[in-house]
N, C-alpha and C. Protein backbone atom coordinates (compact mmCIF):
# COMPACT_ATOMS: atom_id res chain seq x y z
N MET A 1 -39.58 19.33 83.97
CA MET A 1 -40.25 20.11 82.94
C MET A 1 -39.24 20.55 81.90
N LEU A 2 -39.62 20.49 80.63
CA LEU A 2 -38.72 20.83 79.53
C LEU A 2 -38.64 22.33 79.34
N ASN A 3 -37.43 22.84 79.33
CA ASN A 3 -37.15 24.23 79.01
C ASN A 3 -36.90 24.27 77.51
N ASN A 4 -37.55 25.17 76.79
CA ASN A 4 -37.39 25.24 75.33
C ASN A 4 -35.95 25.47 74.88
N ASN A 5 -35.11 25.96 75.76
CA ASN A 5 -33.71 26.21 75.43
C ASN A 5 -32.78 25.11 75.95
N MET A 6 -33.35 23.99 76.39
CA MET A 6 -32.53 22.95 77.00
C MET A 6 -31.64 22.23 75.98
N PHE A 7 -32.10 22.08 74.73
CA PHE A 7 -31.35 21.34 73.73
C PHE A 7 -31.24 22.15 72.43
N THR A 8 -30.01 22.39 72.00
CA THR A 8 -29.76 23.07 70.73
C THR A 8 -28.90 22.15 69.87
N PHE A 9 -29.37 21.87 68.64
CA PHE A 9 -28.64 20.97 67.76
C PHE A 9 -27.22 21.48 67.52
N HIS A 10 -26.25 20.56 67.55
CA HIS A 10 -24.85 20.92 67.29
C HIS A 10 -24.27 20.17 66.10
N HIS A 11 -24.41 18.83 66.05
CA HIS A 11 -23.86 18.05 64.94
C HIS A 11 -24.42 16.64 64.89
N VAL A 12 -24.10 15.97 63.79
CA VAL A 12 -24.35 14.54 63.62
C VAL A 12 -22.98 13.87 63.58
N GLY A 13 -22.81 12.78 64.32
CA GLY A 13 -21.55 12.05 64.37
C GLY A 13 -21.52 10.92 63.36
N LEU A 14 -20.42 10.87 62.58
CA LEU A 14 -20.23 9.83 61.57
C LEU A 14 -18.98 9.01 61.89
N ALA A 15 -19.14 7.71 62.01
CA ALA A 15 -18.01 6.81 62.20
C ALA A 15 -17.36 6.57 60.84
N CYS A 16 -16.02 6.60 60.81
CA CYS A 16 -15.33 6.35 59.54
C CYS A 16 -14.07 5.53 59.78
N LYS A 17 -13.71 4.76 58.76
CA LYS A 17 -12.50 3.93 58.85
C LYS A 17 -11.25 4.76 58.62
N ASN A 18 -11.34 5.76 57.73
CA ASN A 18 -10.17 6.55 57.37
C ASN A 18 -10.58 8.02 57.34
N LEU A 19 -10.12 8.76 58.32
CA LEU A 19 -10.51 10.16 58.47
C LEU A 19 -10.15 11.01 57.25
N LYS A 20 -8.95 10.84 56.74
CA LYS A 20 -8.50 11.65 55.59
C LYS A 20 -9.37 11.41 54.36
N LYS A 21 -9.68 10.15 54.07
CA LYS A 21 -10.52 9.83 52.91
C LYS A 21 -11.93 10.41 53.10
N GLU A 22 -12.44 10.31 54.32
CA GLU A 22 -13.78 10.83 54.60
C GLU A 22 -13.82 12.35 54.46
N MET A 23 -12.75 13.01 54.87
CA MET A 23 -12.68 14.46 54.72
C MET A 23 -12.73 14.85 53.24
N LEU A 24 -11.99 14.12 52.41
CA LEU A 24 -11.98 14.40 50.96
C LEU A 24 -13.37 14.20 50.36
N THR A 25 -14.06 13.15 50.80
CA THR A 25 -15.41 12.91 50.31
C THR A 25 -16.34 14.06 50.68
N HIS A 26 -16.25 14.52 51.91
CA HIS A 26 -17.11 15.61 52.35
C HIS A 26 -16.73 16.94 51.67
N GLU A 27 -15.45 17.15 51.41
CA GLU A 27 -15.05 18.36 50.67
C GLU A 27 -15.65 18.33 49.27
N MET A 28 -15.71 17.16 48.65
CA MET A 28 -16.32 17.02 47.33
C MET A 28 -17.80 17.44 47.38
N LEU A 29 -18.43 17.27 48.53
CA LEU A 29 -19.84 17.62 48.72
C LEU A 29 -20.01 19.04 49.28
N ASN A 30 -18.96 19.84 49.16
CA ASN A 30 -18.97 21.25 49.55
C ASN A 30 -18.93 21.50 51.06
N TYR A 31 -18.48 20.52 51.82
CA TYR A 31 -18.24 20.74 53.25
C TYR A 31 -16.89 21.42 53.41
N GLU A 32 -16.78 22.24 54.45
CA GLU A 32 -15.52 22.90 54.78
C GLU A 32 -15.09 22.47 56.18
N ILE A 33 -13.78 22.34 56.36
CA ILE A 33 -13.23 21.97 57.67
C ILE A 33 -13.48 23.10 58.65
N GLU A 34 -13.93 22.73 59.84
CA GLU A 34 -14.16 23.69 60.92
C GLU A 34 -13.22 23.32 62.06
N GLY A 35 -12.17 24.09 62.25
CA GLY A 35 -11.21 23.79 63.32
C GLY A 35 -10.16 22.79 62.90
N GLU A 36 -9.45 22.29 63.89
CA GLU A 36 -8.34 21.37 63.67
C GLU A 36 -8.77 19.92 63.90
N ILE A 37 -8.01 19.00 63.34
CA ILE A 37 -8.18 17.58 63.68
C ILE A 37 -7.79 17.43 65.15
N PHE A 38 -8.58 16.67 65.89
CA PHE A 38 -8.32 16.50 67.32
C PHE A 38 -8.21 15.01 67.65
N GLU A 39 -7.55 14.73 68.76
CA GLU A 39 -7.48 13.37 69.30
C GLU A 39 -7.93 13.42 70.74
N ASP A 40 -8.75 12.45 71.11
CA ASP A 40 -9.24 12.36 72.48
C ASP A 40 -8.98 10.94 72.97
N THR A 41 -7.94 10.79 73.79
CA THR A 41 -7.57 9.45 74.26
C THR A 41 -8.60 8.90 75.25
N ASN A 42 -9.34 9.78 75.95
CA ASN A 42 -10.40 9.30 76.85
C ASN A 42 -11.46 8.53 76.07
N GLN A 43 -11.78 9.01 74.87
CA GLN A 43 -12.81 8.38 74.05
C GLN A 43 -12.22 7.46 72.98
N GLN A 44 -10.88 7.45 72.83
CA GLN A 44 -10.18 6.64 71.83
C GLN A 44 -10.62 7.00 70.40
N ILE A 45 -10.65 8.32 70.13
CA ILE A 45 -11.08 8.80 68.82
C ILE A 45 -10.14 9.89 68.28
N ARG A 46 -10.14 10.01 66.96
CA ARG A 46 -9.53 11.13 66.25
C ARG A 46 -10.67 11.67 65.38
N GLY A 47 -10.79 12.99 65.32
CA GLY A 47 -11.91 13.52 64.55
C GLY A 47 -11.71 14.94 64.08
N VAL A 48 -12.70 15.39 63.32
CA VAL A 48 -12.72 16.75 62.80
C VAL A 48 -14.18 17.13 62.54
N PHE A 49 -14.47 18.40 62.66
CA PHE A 49 -15.79 18.91 62.32
C PHE A 49 -15.74 19.51 60.93
N MET A 50 -16.82 19.31 60.18
CA MET A 50 -16.95 19.90 58.85
C MET A 50 -18.36 20.49 58.74
N ILE A 51 -18.46 21.60 58.03
CA ILE A 51 -19.76 22.26 57.90
C ILE A 51 -20.12 22.48 56.44
N ASN A 52 -21.41 22.44 56.19
CA ASN A 52 -21.98 22.77 54.89
C ASN A 52 -23.21 23.61 55.20
N GLY A 53 -23.09 24.93 55.05
CA GLY A 53 -24.16 25.82 55.47
C GLY A 53 -24.32 25.74 56.98
N ALA A 54 -25.54 25.49 57.43
CA ALA A 54 -25.81 25.40 58.86
C ALA A 54 -25.63 23.99 59.40
N PHE A 55 -25.32 23.02 58.51
CA PHE A 55 -25.22 21.63 58.93
C PHE A 55 -23.78 21.27 59.27
N ARG A 56 -23.58 20.64 60.43
CA ARG A 56 -22.25 20.25 60.89
C ARG A 56 -22.21 18.75 61.12
N VAL A 57 -21.10 18.13 60.64
CA VAL A 57 -20.84 16.72 60.92
C VAL A 57 -19.54 16.61 61.68
N GLU A 58 -19.46 15.59 62.50
CA GLU A 58 -18.23 15.24 63.21
C GLU A 58 -17.78 13.91 62.63
N LEU A 59 -16.66 13.91 61.94
CA LEU A 59 -16.09 12.69 61.38
C LEU A 59 -15.16 12.09 62.41
N LEU A 60 -15.34 10.82 62.71
CA LEU A 60 -14.57 10.17 63.78
C LEU A 60 -14.00 8.84 63.33
N GLU A 61 -12.71 8.64 63.64
CA GLU A 61 -12.08 7.34 63.42
C GLU A 61 -11.51 6.85 64.74
N ALA A 62 -11.32 5.55 64.84
CA ALA A 62 -10.82 4.92 66.05
C ALA A 62 -9.33 5.17 66.22
N LEU A 63 -8.90 5.39 67.46
CA LEU A 63 -7.48 5.48 67.79
C LEU A 63 -6.91 4.12 68.18
N SER A 64 -7.80 3.19 68.55
CA SER A 64 -7.34 1.87 68.98
C SER A 64 -8.45 0.85 68.73
N GLU A 65 -8.14 -0.40 68.95
CA GLU A 65 -9.13 -1.46 68.81
C GLU A 65 -10.24 -1.34 69.85
N ASP A 66 -9.94 -0.66 70.97
CA ASP A 66 -10.91 -0.50 72.06
C ASP A 66 -11.90 0.63 71.82
N SER A 67 -11.72 1.39 70.77
CA SER A 67 -12.58 2.53 70.50
C SER A 67 -14.01 2.09 70.21
N PRO A 68 -15.00 2.80 70.77
CA PRO A 68 -16.39 2.46 70.47
C PRO A 68 -16.76 2.64 69.00
N ILE A 69 -15.99 3.42 68.26
CA ILE A 69 -16.23 3.63 66.83
C ILE A 69 -16.21 2.29 66.09
N ASN A 70 -15.30 1.40 66.50
CA ASN A 70 -15.17 0.10 65.82
C ASN A 70 -16.45 -0.72 65.91
N ASN A 71 -17.17 -0.63 67.03
CA ASN A 71 -18.42 -1.39 67.17
C ASN A 71 -19.44 -0.97 66.12
N TYR A 72 -19.51 0.32 65.84
CA TYR A 72 -20.46 0.80 64.84
C TYR A 72 -20.03 0.38 63.43
N LEU A 73 -18.75 0.52 63.14
CA LEU A 73 -18.27 0.16 61.81
C LEU A 73 -18.46 -1.32 61.53
N LYS A 74 -18.24 -2.17 62.54
CA LYS A 74 -18.43 -3.62 62.35
C LYS A 74 -19.87 -3.96 62.00
N LYS A 75 -20.81 -3.14 62.46
CA LYS A 75 -22.23 -3.37 62.19
C LYS A 75 -22.69 -2.64 60.94
N GLY A 76 -21.77 -1.93 60.28
CA GLY A 76 -22.14 -1.18 59.08
C GLY A 76 -22.85 0.13 59.38
N ILE A 77 -22.76 0.60 60.62
CA ILE A 77 -23.41 1.85 61.02
C ILE A 77 -22.42 3.00 60.88
N ARG A 78 -22.77 3.99 60.12
CA ARG A 78 -21.89 5.16 59.95
C ARG A 78 -22.42 6.36 60.74
N MET A 79 -23.67 6.73 60.50
CA MET A 79 -24.27 7.87 61.20
C MET A 79 -24.83 7.33 62.51
N TYR A 80 -24.16 7.68 63.62
CA TYR A 80 -24.53 6.98 64.84
C TYR A 80 -24.97 7.85 66.01
N HIS A 81 -24.80 9.17 65.94
CA HIS A 81 -25.35 9.97 67.03
C HIS A 81 -25.70 11.38 66.56
N GLN A 82 -26.65 11.98 67.30
CA GLN A 82 -26.94 13.40 67.17
C GLN A 82 -26.42 14.06 68.44
N CYS A 83 -25.97 15.30 68.29
CA CYS A 83 -25.41 16.01 69.44
C CYS A 83 -26.13 17.33 69.65
N PHE A 84 -26.31 17.66 70.92
CA PHE A 84 -26.98 18.89 71.32
C PHE A 84 -26.19 19.57 72.42
N THR A 85 -26.14 20.90 72.38
CA THR A 85 -25.60 21.65 73.51
C THR A 85 -26.72 21.89 74.50
N THR A 86 -26.34 22.08 75.74
CA THR A 86 -27.33 22.32 76.80
C THR A 86 -26.70 23.23 77.86
N PRO A 87 -27.48 24.18 78.39
CA PRO A 87 -26.91 25.10 79.38
C PRO A 87 -26.59 24.44 80.71
N ASN A 88 -27.27 23.33 81.05
CA ASN A 88 -27.03 22.66 82.32
C ASN A 88 -27.03 21.15 82.06
N LEU A 89 -25.85 20.58 81.98
CA LEU A 89 -25.70 19.17 81.61
C LEU A 89 -26.42 18.24 82.59
N GLU A 90 -26.25 18.46 83.86
CA GLU A 90 -26.87 17.57 84.86
C GLU A 90 -28.39 17.63 84.78
N ASN A 91 -28.97 18.83 84.62
CA ASN A 91 -30.43 18.95 84.49
C ASN A 91 -30.93 18.25 83.24
N ALA A 92 -30.19 18.40 82.13
CA ALA A 92 -30.59 17.77 80.88
C ALA A 92 -30.55 16.24 81.01
N ILE A 93 -29.50 15.73 81.64
CA ILE A 93 -29.40 14.27 81.87
C ILE A 93 -30.56 13.80 82.73
N ASP A 94 -30.81 14.51 83.84
CA ASP A 94 -31.91 14.12 84.73
C ASP A 94 -33.25 14.10 83.98
N TYR A 95 -33.48 15.13 83.17
CA TYR A 95 -34.73 15.20 82.40
C TYR A 95 -34.87 14.01 81.46
N LEU A 96 -33.81 13.71 80.71
CA LEU A 96 -33.89 12.61 79.74
C LEU A 96 -34.03 11.26 80.43
N VAL A 97 -33.35 11.06 81.54
CA VAL A 97 -33.47 9.81 82.29
C VAL A 97 -34.91 9.66 82.80
N GLN A 98 -35.51 10.76 83.26
CA GLN A 98 -36.92 10.70 83.69
C GLN A 98 -37.84 10.33 82.54
N GLN A 99 -37.43 10.64 81.31
CA GLN A 99 -38.23 10.31 80.12
C GLN A 99 -37.94 8.89 79.62
N GLY A 100 -37.07 8.17 80.32
CA GLY A 100 -36.79 6.78 79.96
C GLY A 100 -35.46 6.56 79.27
N ALA A 101 -34.65 7.61 79.12
CA ALA A 101 -33.33 7.45 78.51
C ALA A 101 -32.40 6.71 79.46
N MET A 102 -31.38 6.07 78.87
CA MET A 102 -30.37 5.36 79.65
C MET A 102 -29.04 6.10 79.51
N LEU A 103 -28.45 6.46 80.63
CA LEU A 103 -27.15 7.13 80.62
C LEU A 103 -26.09 6.11 80.26
N ILE A 104 -25.37 6.34 79.14
CA ILE A 104 -24.37 5.41 78.65
C ILE A 104 -22.97 5.83 79.08
N VAL A 105 -22.69 7.13 78.98
CA VAL A 105 -21.37 7.66 79.36
C VAL A 105 -21.59 8.80 80.35
N GLN A 106 -21.07 8.61 81.56
CA GLN A 106 -21.12 9.67 82.57
C GLN A 106 -20.42 10.92 82.04
N PRO A 107 -20.75 12.10 82.53
CA PRO A 107 -20.07 13.32 82.06
C PRO A 107 -18.55 13.22 82.18
N ILE A 108 -17.88 13.50 81.06
CA ILE A 108 -16.42 13.52 81.00
C ILE A 108 -15.99 14.73 80.19
N GLU A 109 -14.76 15.18 80.40
CA GLU A 109 -14.22 16.28 79.61
C GLU A 109 -13.90 15.79 78.20
N ALA A 110 -14.11 16.68 77.22
CA ALA A 110 -13.86 16.32 75.83
C ALA A 110 -12.91 17.32 75.18
N VAL A 111 -11.87 16.81 74.57
CA VAL A 111 -10.87 17.62 73.88
C VAL A 111 -11.51 18.48 72.80
N ALA A 112 -12.44 17.92 72.05
CA ALA A 112 -13.06 18.62 70.91
C ALA A 112 -13.85 19.85 71.33
N PHE A 113 -14.22 19.93 72.59
CA PHE A 113 -15.06 21.04 73.06
C PHE A 113 -14.38 21.82 74.18
N GLU A 114 -13.09 22.03 74.01
CA GLU A 114 -12.30 22.84 74.95
C GLU A 114 -12.45 22.35 76.39
N HIS A 115 -12.51 21.02 76.53
CA HIS A 115 -12.59 20.34 77.82
C HIS A 115 -13.89 20.58 78.57
N ARG A 116 -14.92 21.07 77.83
CA ARG A 116 -16.25 21.10 78.45
C ARG A 116 -16.72 19.66 78.58
N LYS A 117 -17.64 19.43 79.48
CA LYS A 117 -18.11 18.06 79.71
C LYS A 117 -19.14 17.66 78.66
N ILE A 118 -19.08 16.37 78.33
CA ILE A 118 -20.05 15.74 77.44
C ILE A 118 -20.60 14.50 78.14
N SER A 119 -21.70 14.00 77.60
CA SER A 119 -22.29 12.77 78.09
C SER A 119 -23.05 12.13 76.94
N PHE A 120 -23.21 10.81 76.98
CA PHE A 120 -23.99 10.10 75.97
C PHE A 120 -25.16 9.39 76.63
N LEU A 121 -26.31 9.46 75.98
CA LEU A 121 -27.51 8.79 76.45
C LEU A 121 -28.17 8.04 75.30
N TYR A 122 -28.81 6.95 75.65
CA TYR A 122 -29.54 6.13 74.68
C TYR A 122 -31.02 6.34 74.95
N LEU A 123 -31.72 6.92 73.97
CA LEU A 123 -33.13 7.22 74.14
C LEU A 123 -33.98 5.98 73.95
N ARG A 124 -35.20 6.03 74.43
CA ARG A 124 -36.12 4.89 74.28
C ARG A 124 -36.39 4.58 72.81
N SER A 125 -36.22 5.56 71.94
CA SER A 125 -36.42 5.36 70.50
C SER A 125 -35.22 4.66 69.85
N GLN A 126 -34.23 4.29 70.65
CA GLN A 126 -32.99 3.64 70.22
C GLN A 126 -32.07 4.59 69.49
N MET A 127 -32.15 5.88 69.80
CA MET A 127 -31.25 6.87 69.24
C MET A 127 -30.21 7.24 70.29
N LEU A 128 -28.96 7.26 69.87
CA LEU A 128 -27.87 7.69 70.74
C LEU A 128 -27.69 9.19 70.58
N ILE A 129 -27.66 9.90 71.71
CA ILE A 129 -27.41 11.33 71.65
C ILE A 129 -26.22 11.70 72.54
N GLU A 130 -25.55 12.74 72.13
CA GLU A 130 -24.45 13.31 72.90
C GLU A 130 -24.92 14.67 73.39
N LEU A 131 -24.60 15.00 74.63
CA LEU A 131 -24.88 16.32 75.17
C LEU A 131 -23.56 17.01 75.48
N ILE A 132 -23.48 18.30 75.19
CA ILE A 132 -22.30 19.11 75.50
C ILE A 132 -22.74 20.24 76.41
N GLU A 133 -22.03 20.44 77.51
CA GLU A 133 -22.36 21.59 78.36
C GLU A 133 -21.91 22.85 77.65
N GLN A 134 -22.74 23.89 77.73
CA GLN A 134 -22.40 25.16 77.08
C GLN A 134 -21.35 25.90 77.86
């Protein structure tokens, strides 16, 4: 059963070839940097969060050729996931899997979120979502 507080929007993830150039573009659009640039070797990414009002984006570039970011860029996909926080990661995963979602990335610690666990799921609507434990 869905709890109305199970999913709270956090950000949209954008794949980029050059993080610095992408940051400048977003600053031109009145986005402000939120926090520090981070690197996560588990996910093979370097990124930063930027905000414009209540809207937050996560700009991500690949750290290596093995990074999943490269797959999106090769296909011309830039905006590739929505992210939500959830009070209970395992319950949220179980709920979404029961609704037909496919678990893509098992829960792992993420540098960008103070080592809280994240997970990725592919919904039946073909949307990739990230979940962050609160």
